[in-house]
Amino acid sequence: MIFKKNMFVVMTRGRFAGCKATVIKADENSDRVVVAGIAKVPKFSDKEEKVLKKRMNVFVKKINKIHLLATRYKGDTGISNINFDGAFESPASKKTAVMQVTKVFETALINKKVPWLFQKLDLN
């Protein structure tokens, strides 16, 4: 199995193409993988623009393995503590999951846990 828990991937298709994500759950029997990623990488700037540019857009999706590109990077961002069992049953539960992931990613950014995840993707 290529995709494992806490592995970083790059989305290749769809609305979030080119965005980095981390694998939350991957089954060998299923062709779907649950990922959580960052749609908009936060930027650091002066005090006036700090609130606008430091904002982070996060997504949680169940996606086909074909649309993911595996990377060599792995790391624990703290997402393993969140329960995603009923996250895709209703829009309200998915929204709470996204809010929890946002908090985890913000603390990981402040503590500089996984610097590769928060850098802009360079394709050169």
N, C-alpha and C. Protein backbone atom coordinates (compact mmCIF):
# COMPACT_ATOMS: atom_id res chain seq x y z
N MET A 1 0.84 -1.17 0.00
CA MET A 1 0.00 0.00 0.00
C MET A 1 0.89 1.25 0.00
N ILE A 2 0.64 2.15 -0.90
CA ILE A 2 1.45 3.35 -1.04
C ILE A 2 1.11 4.37 0.04
N PHE A 3 -0.17 4.63 0.25
CA PHE A 3 -0.60 5.69 1.15
C PHE A 3 -0.76 5.15 2.57
N LYS A 4 -0.06 5.79 3.50
CA LYS A 4 -0.11 5.40 4.90
C LYS A 4 -0.50 6.61 5.74
N LYS A 5 -0.89 6.35 6.96
CA LYS A 5 -1.31 7.41 7.86
C LYS A 5 -0.15 8.37 8.12
N ASN A 6 -0.45 9.66 8.20
CA ASN A 6 0.51 10.75 8.44
C ASN A 6 1.48 10.97 7.29
N MET A 7 1.19 10.44 6.11
CA MET A 7 2.02 10.67 4.92
C MET A 7 1.52 11.94 4.22
N PHE A 8 2.44 12.74 3.70
CA PHE A 8 2.05 13.95 2.99
C PHE A 8 1.91 13.65 1.51
N VAL A 9 0.85 14.19 0.92
CA VAL A 9 0.54 13.97 -0.49
C VAL A 9 0.26 15.31 -1.15
N VAL A 10 0.25 15.30 -2.48
CA VAL A 10 -0.12 16.48 -3.27
C VAL A 10 -1.33 16.10 -4.10
N MET A 11 -2.35 16.94 -4.07
CA MET A 11 -3.56 16.70 -4.85
C MET A 11 -3.26 17.02 -6.31
N THR A 12 -3.69 16.16 -7.24
CA THR A 12 -3.38 16.38 -8.65
C THR A 12 -4.59 16.76 -9.47
N ARG A 13 -5.78 16.55 -8.99
CA ARG A 13 -6.99 16.86 -9.75
C ARG A 13 -7.98 17.64 -8.90
N GLY A 14 -8.88 18.33 -9.58
CA GLY A 14 -9.99 18.98 -8.91
C GLY A 14 -9.68 20.37 -8.42
N ARG A 15 -10.53 20.83 -7.55
CA ARG A 15 -10.46 22.19 -7.04
C ARG A 15 -9.19 22.45 -6.23
N PHE A 16 -8.71 21.43 -5.56
CA PHE A 16 -7.54 21.58 -4.72
C PHE A 16 -6.27 21.03 -5.38
N ALA A 17 -6.22 21.03 -6.69
CA ALA A 17 -5.03 20.54 -7.41
C ALA A 17 -3.83 21.41 -7.07
N GLY A 18 -2.73 20.76 -6.74
CA GLY A 18 -1.52 21.47 -6.36
C GLY A 18 -1.42 21.78 -4.88
N CYS A 19 -2.42 21.39 -4.11
CA CYS A 19 -2.41 21.64 -2.67
C CYS A 19 -1.82 20.45 -1.93
N LYS A 20 -1.16 20.75 -0.82
CA LYS A 20 -0.57 19.70 0.00
C LYS A 20 -1.58 19.22 1.02
N ALA A 21 -1.50 17.94 1.35
CA ALA A 21 -2.43 17.35 2.32
C ALA A 21 -1.72 16.23 3.06
N THR A 22 -2.33 15.80 4.14
CA THR A 22 -1.83 14.67 4.90
C THR A 22 -2.89 13.58 4.95
N VAL A 23 -2.47 12.34 4.88
CA VAL A 23 -3.40 11.21 4.87
C VAL A 23 -3.87 10.95 6.29
N ILE A 24 -5.18 10.89 6.45
CA ILE A 24 -5.78 10.61 7.74
C ILE A 24 -6.09 9.13 7.87
N LYS A 25 -6.73 8.59 6.84
CA LYS A 25 -7.13 7.18 6.87
C LYS A 25 -7.03 6.61 5.46
N ALA A 26 -6.39 5.45 5.33
CA ALA A 26 -6.28 4.78 4.05
C ALA A 26 -6.54 3.29 4.25
N ASP A 27 -7.46 2.73 3.48
CA ASP A 27 -7.77 1.31 3.56
C ASP A 27 -7.22 0.60 2.33
N GLU A 28 -6.76 -0.61 2.53
CA GLU A 28 -6.27 -1.41 1.40
C GLU A 28 -7.42 -1.87 0.52
N ASN A 29 -8.56 -2.16 1.12
CA ASN A 29 -9.71 -2.68 0.37
C ASN A 29 -10.42 -1.59 -0.42
N SER A 30 -10.40 -0.37 0.07
CA SER A 30 -11.11 0.72 -0.57
C SER A 30 -10.18 1.48 -1.52
N ASP A 31 -10.77 2.14 -2.52
CA ASP A 31 -9.98 2.98 -3.41
C ASP A 31 -10.00 4.44 -2.98
N ARG A 32 -10.56 4.73 -1.81
CA ARG A 32 -10.66 6.09 -1.29
C ARG A 32 -9.71 6.31 -0.13
N VAL A 33 -9.25 7.54 -0.02
CA VAL A 33 -8.36 7.95 1.07
C VAL A 33 -8.94 9.22 1.68
N VAL A 34 -8.94 9.30 2.99
CA VAL A 34 -9.39 10.52 3.68
C VAL A 34 -8.16 11.38 3.92
N VAL A 35 -8.21 12.62 3.42
CA VAL A 35 -7.08 13.54 3.55
C VAL A 35 -7.54 14.85 4.16
N ALA A 36 -6.62 15.54 4.81
CA ALA A 36 -6.84 16.89 5.31
C ALA A 36 -5.67 17.73 4.82
N GLY A 37 -5.98 18.87 4.22
CA GLY A 37 -4.91 19.66 3.64
C GLY A 37 -5.15 21.15 3.74
N ILE A 38 -4.21 21.89 3.18
CA ILE A 38 -4.24 23.34 3.21
C ILE A 38 -4.47 23.85 1.80
N ALA A 39 -5.57 24.59 1.62
CA ALA A 39 -5.89 25.15 0.31
C ALA A 39 -5.13 26.45 0.08
N LYS A 40 -4.92 27.22 1.13
CA LYS A 40 -4.23 28.50 1.02
C LYS A 40 -3.12 28.53 2.06
N VAL A 41 -1.89 28.65 1.60
CA VAL A 41 -0.74 28.67 2.49
C VAL A 41 -0.67 30.04 3.17
N PRO A 42 -0.54 30.10 4.49
CA PRO A 42 -0.47 31.39 5.17
C PRO A 42 0.85 32.10 4.89
N LYS A 43 0.79 33.43 4.83
CA LYS A 43 1.97 34.24 4.58
C LYS A 43 2.25 35.10 5.80
N PHE A 44 3.50 35.40 6.02
CA PHE A 44 3.87 36.27 7.12
C PHE A 44 4.22 37.64 6.56
N SER A 45 3.69 38.69 7.20
CA SER A 45 3.93 40.05 6.73
C SER A 45 3.89 41.00 7.93
N ASP A 46 3.80 42.31 7.65
CA ASP A 46 3.82 43.29 8.72
C ASP A 46 2.52 43.25 9.54
N LYS A 47 2.44 44.08 10.57
CA LYS A 47 1.35 43.99 11.53
C LYS A 47 -0.01 44.30 10.92
N GLU A 48 -0.09 45.25 9.98
CA GLU A 48 -1.38 45.65 9.43
C GLU A 48 -2.00 44.53 8.59
N GLU A 49 -1.19 43.85 7.83
CA GLU A 49 -1.69 42.80 6.94
C GLU A 49 -1.64 41.42 7.59
N LYS A 50 -1.23 41.36 8.83
CA LYS A 50 -1.02 40.08 9.49
C LYS A 50 -2.31 39.26 9.59
N VAL A 51 -3.41 39.90 9.91
CA VAL A 51 -4.67 39.18 10.11
C VAL A 51 -5.17 38.60 8.80
N LEU A 52 -5.05 39.34 7.70
CA LEU A 52 -5.57 38.88 6.42
C LEU A 52 -4.71 37.79 5.80
N LYS A 53 -3.40 37.93 5.87
CA LYS A 53 -2.53 37.01 5.16
C LYS A 53 -2.19 35.75 5.96
N LYS A 54 -2.38 35.80 7.27
CA LYS A 54 -2.05 34.64 8.08
C LYS A 54 -3.20 33.64 8.13
N ARG A 55 -4.34 34.01 7.58
CA ARG A 55 -5.50 33.13 7.59
C ARG A 55 -5.22 31.89 6.75
N MET A 56 -5.75 30.76 7.20
CA MET A 56 -5.46 29.49 6.57
C MET A 56 -6.77 28.83 6.13
N ASN A 57 -6.84 28.39 4.89
CA ASN A 57 -8.01 27.65 4.40
C ASN A 57 -7.68 26.17 4.40
N VAL A 58 -8.50 25.40 5.10
CA VAL A 58 -8.25 23.97 5.30
C VAL A 58 -9.40 23.18 4.70
N PHE A 59 -9.10 21.98 4.20
CA PHE A 59 -10.14 21.10 3.68
C PHE A 59 -9.95 19.69 4.21
N VAL A 60 -11.07 18.98 4.28
CA VAL A 60 -11.09 17.56 4.65
C VAL A 60 -11.90 16.87 3.57
N LYS A 61 -11.29 15.89 2.88
CA LYS A 61 -11.97 15.24 1.76
C LYS A 61 -11.72 13.74 1.76
N LYS A 62 -12.67 13.05 1.17
CA LYS A 62 -12.51 11.63 0.86
C LYS A 62 -12.29 11.58 -0.64
N ILE A 63 -11.12 11.11 -1.08
CA ILE A 63 -10.73 11.25 -2.48
C ILE A 63 -10.18 9.93 -3.00
N ASN A 64 -10.28 9.75 -4.31
CA ASN A 64 -9.77 8.56 -4.97
C ASN A 64 -8.24 8.60 -4.96
N LYS A 65 -7.62 7.43 -4.83
CA LYS A 65 -6.16 7.34 -4.77
C LYS A 65 -5.50 7.78 -6.07
N ILE A 66 -6.22 7.70 -7.17
CA ILE A 66 -5.66 8.09 -8.47
C ILE A 66 -5.32 9.58 -8.50
N HIS A 67 -6.05 10.38 -7.73
CA HIS A 67 -5.90 11.83 -7.77
C HIS A 67 -4.90 12.36 -6.75
N LEU A 68 -4.08 11.48 -6.20
CA LEU A 68 -3.08 11.89 -5.22
C LEU A 68 -1.68 11.53 -5.69
N LEU A 69 -0.72 12.35 -5.33
CA LEU A 69 0.68 12.10 -5.63
C LEU A 69 1.41 11.92 -4.30
N ALA A 70 1.96 10.73 -4.09
CA ALA A 70 2.65 10.43 -2.83
C ALA A 70 3.99 11.15 -2.79
N THR A 71 4.37 11.62 -1.62
CA THR A 71 5.67 12.25 -1.43
C THR A 71 6.49 11.42 -0.45
N ARG A 72 7.73 11.80 -0.28
CA ARG A 72 8.59 11.06 0.64
C ARG A 72 8.46 11.57 2.07
N TYR A 73 7.70 12.64 2.26
CA TYR A 73 7.61 13.27 3.56
C TYR A 73 6.53 12.63 4.43
N LYS A 74 6.85 12.47 5.71
CA LYS A 74 5.90 11.99 6.71
C LYS A 74 6.09 12.83 7.95
N GLY A 75 5.03 12.98 8.70
CA GLY A 75 5.15 13.74 9.94
C GLY A 75 3.85 13.74 10.70
N ASP A 76 3.96 13.91 11.99
CA ASP A 76 2.77 13.94 12.84
C ASP A 76 2.41 15.38 13.13
N THR A 77 1.28 15.82 12.61
CA THR A 77 0.81 17.17 12.86
C THR A 77 -0.13 17.23 14.04
N GLY A 78 -0.54 16.09 14.56
CA GLY A 78 -1.48 16.04 15.67
C GLY A 78 -2.89 15.70 15.23
N ILE A 79 -3.08 15.40 13.96
CA ILE A 79 -4.41 15.08 13.44
C ILE A 79 -4.88 13.71 13.91
N SER A 80 -3.97 12.86 14.30
CA SER A 80 -4.35 11.51 14.72
C SER A 80 -5.21 11.52 15.98
N ASN A 81 -5.23 12.63 16.72
CA ASN A 81 -6.05 12.74 17.93
C ASN A 81 -7.51 13.04 17.62
N ILE A 82 -7.82 13.46 16.40
CA ILE A 82 -9.19 13.83 16.02
C ILE A 82 -9.93 12.61 15.50
N ASN A 83 -11.20 12.50 15.86
CA ASN A 83 -12.03 11.38 15.43
C ASN A 83 -12.79 11.80 14.16
N PHE A 84 -12.57 11.09 13.05
CA PHE A 84 -13.20 11.41 11.77
C PHE A 84 -14.25 10.38 11.36
N ASP A 85 -14.76 9.60 12.30
CA ASP A 85 -15.68 8.51 11.95
C ASP A 85 -16.98 9.02 11.31
N GLY A 86 -17.61 10.03 11.86
CA GLY A 86 -18.87 10.52 11.31
C GLY A 86 -18.73 11.84 10.60
N ALA A 87 -17.55 12.14 10.10
CA ALA A 87 -17.29 13.46 9.53
C ALA A 87 -18.00 13.68 8.20
N PHE A 88 -18.32 12.62 7.48
CA PHE A 88 -18.90 12.78 6.15
C PHE A 88 -20.39 12.44 6.11
N GLU A 89 -21.02 12.31 7.27
CA GLU A 89 -22.44 11.97 7.30
C GLU A 89 -23.34 13.18 7.10
N SER A 90 -22.93 14.33 7.62
CA SER A 90 -23.74 15.54 7.47
C SER A 90 -22.81 16.75 7.30
N PRO A 91 -23.32 17.82 6.71
CA PRO A 91 -22.49 19.02 6.53
C PRO A 91 -22.04 19.63 7.86
N ALA A 92 -22.86 19.54 8.88
CA ALA A 92 -22.49 20.11 10.17
C ALA A 92 -21.32 19.36 10.80
N SER A 93 -21.33 18.03 10.68
CA SER A 93 -20.22 17.25 11.25
C SER A 93 -18.93 17.47 10.46
N LYS A 94 -19.04 17.68 9.15
CA LYS A 94 -17.85 17.96 8.36
C LYS A 94 -17.28 19.33 8.71
N LYS A 95 -18.16 20.28 8.99
CA LYS A 95 -17.71 21.62 9.36
C LYS A 95 -16.96 21.59 10.69
N THR A 96 -17.45 20.80 11.65
CA THR A 96 -16.74 20.69 12.92
C THR A 96 -15.39 20.01 12.74
N ALA A 97 -15.32 19.03 11.84
CA ALA A 97 -14.04 18.36 11.56
C ALA A 97 -13.05 19.34 10.94
N VAL A 98 -13.53 20.19 10.04
CA VAL A 98 -12.66 21.18 9.40
C VAL A 98 -12.16 22.19 10.43
N MET A 99 -13.02 22.59 11.36
CA MET A 99 -12.61 23.53 12.40
C MET A 99 -11.55 22.91 13.32
N GLN A 100 -11.71 21.63 13.64
CA GLN A 100 -10.72 20.95 14.47
C GLN A 100 -9.38 20.83 13.75
N VAL A 101 -9.43 20.52 12.46
CA VAL A 101 -8.19 20.41 11.68
C VAL A 101 -7.51 21.77 11.56
N THR A 102 -8.30 22.83 11.42
CA THR A 102 -7.74 24.17 11.34
C THR A 102 -6.97 24.51 12.61
N LYS A 103 -7.54 24.19 13.76
CA LYS A 103 -6.85 24.46 15.03
C LYS A 103 -5.55 23.66 15.14
N VAL A 104 -5.59 22.41 14.70
CA VAL A 104 -4.39 21.57 14.77
C VAL A 104 -3.31 22.10 13.83
N PHE A 105 -3.69 22.50 12.62
CA PHE A 105 -2.71 23.03 11.67
C PHE A 105 -2.14 24.36 12.16
N GLU A 106 -2.96 25.20 12.80
CA GLU A 106 -2.46 26.47 13.30
C GLU A 106 -1.43 26.26 14.42
N THR A 107 -1.69 25.31 15.30
CA THR A 107 -0.71 25.03 16.36
C THR A 107 0.56 24.41 15.77
N ALA A 108 0.41 23.59 14.74
CA ALA A 108 1.59 23.01 14.09
C ALA A 108 2.41 24.09 13.39
N LEU A 109 1.74 25.10 12.84
CA LEU A 109 2.44 26.20 12.19
C LEU A 109 3.20 27.05 13.21
N ILE A 110 2.56 27.32 14.34
CA ILE A 110 3.20 28.13 15.38
C ILE A 110 4.39 27.39 15.98
N ASN A 111 4.24 26.09 16.22
CA ASN A 111 5.31 25.30 16.82
C ASN A 111 6.35 24.83 15.81
N LYS A 112 6.11 25.11 14.54
CA LYS A 112 7.01 24.72 13.43
C LYS A 112 7.26 23.21 13.42
N LYS A 113 6.16 22.45 13.53
CA LYS A 113 6.27 20.99 13.54
C LYS A 113 6.66 20.43 12.18
N VAL A 114 5.92 20.82 11.14
CA VAL A 114 6.13 20.26 9.81
C VAL A 114 6.31 21.42 8.83
N PRO A 115 7.53 21.90 8.63
CA PRO A 115 7.71 23.09 7.78
C PRO A 115 7.38 22.85 6.31
N TRP A 116 7.54 21.64 5.80
CA TRP A 116 7.28 21.38 4.39
C TRP A 116 5.81 21.59 4.04
N LEU A 117 4.93 21.27 4.96
CA LEU A 117 3.49 21.38 4.71
C LEU A 117 3.06 22.82 4.55
N PHE A 118 3.74 23.75 5.20
CA PHE A 118 3.33 25.14 5.19
C PHE A 118 4.12 26.00 4.21
N GLN A 119 4.94 25.40 3.38
CA GLN A 119 5.64 26.13 2.34
C GLN A 119 4.86 26.03 1.04
N LYS A 120 5.04 27.03 0.19
CA LYS A 120 4.40 27.00 -1.11
C LYS A 120 5.03 25.90 -1.97
N LEU A 121 4.21 25.21 -2.76
CA LEU A 121 4.69 24.10 -3.58
C LEU A 121 5.53 24.64 -4.72
N ASP A 122 6.76 24.16 -4.82
CA ASP A 122 7.68 24.58 -5.87
C ASP A 122 7.84 23.43 -6.85
N LEU A 123 7.49 23.65 -8.10
CA LEU A 123 7.52 22.59 -9.11
C LEU A 123 8.74 22.66 -10.01
N ASN A 124 9.71 23.48 -9.69
CA ASN A 124 10.91 23.57 -10.52
C ASN A 124 11.90 22.51 -10.20
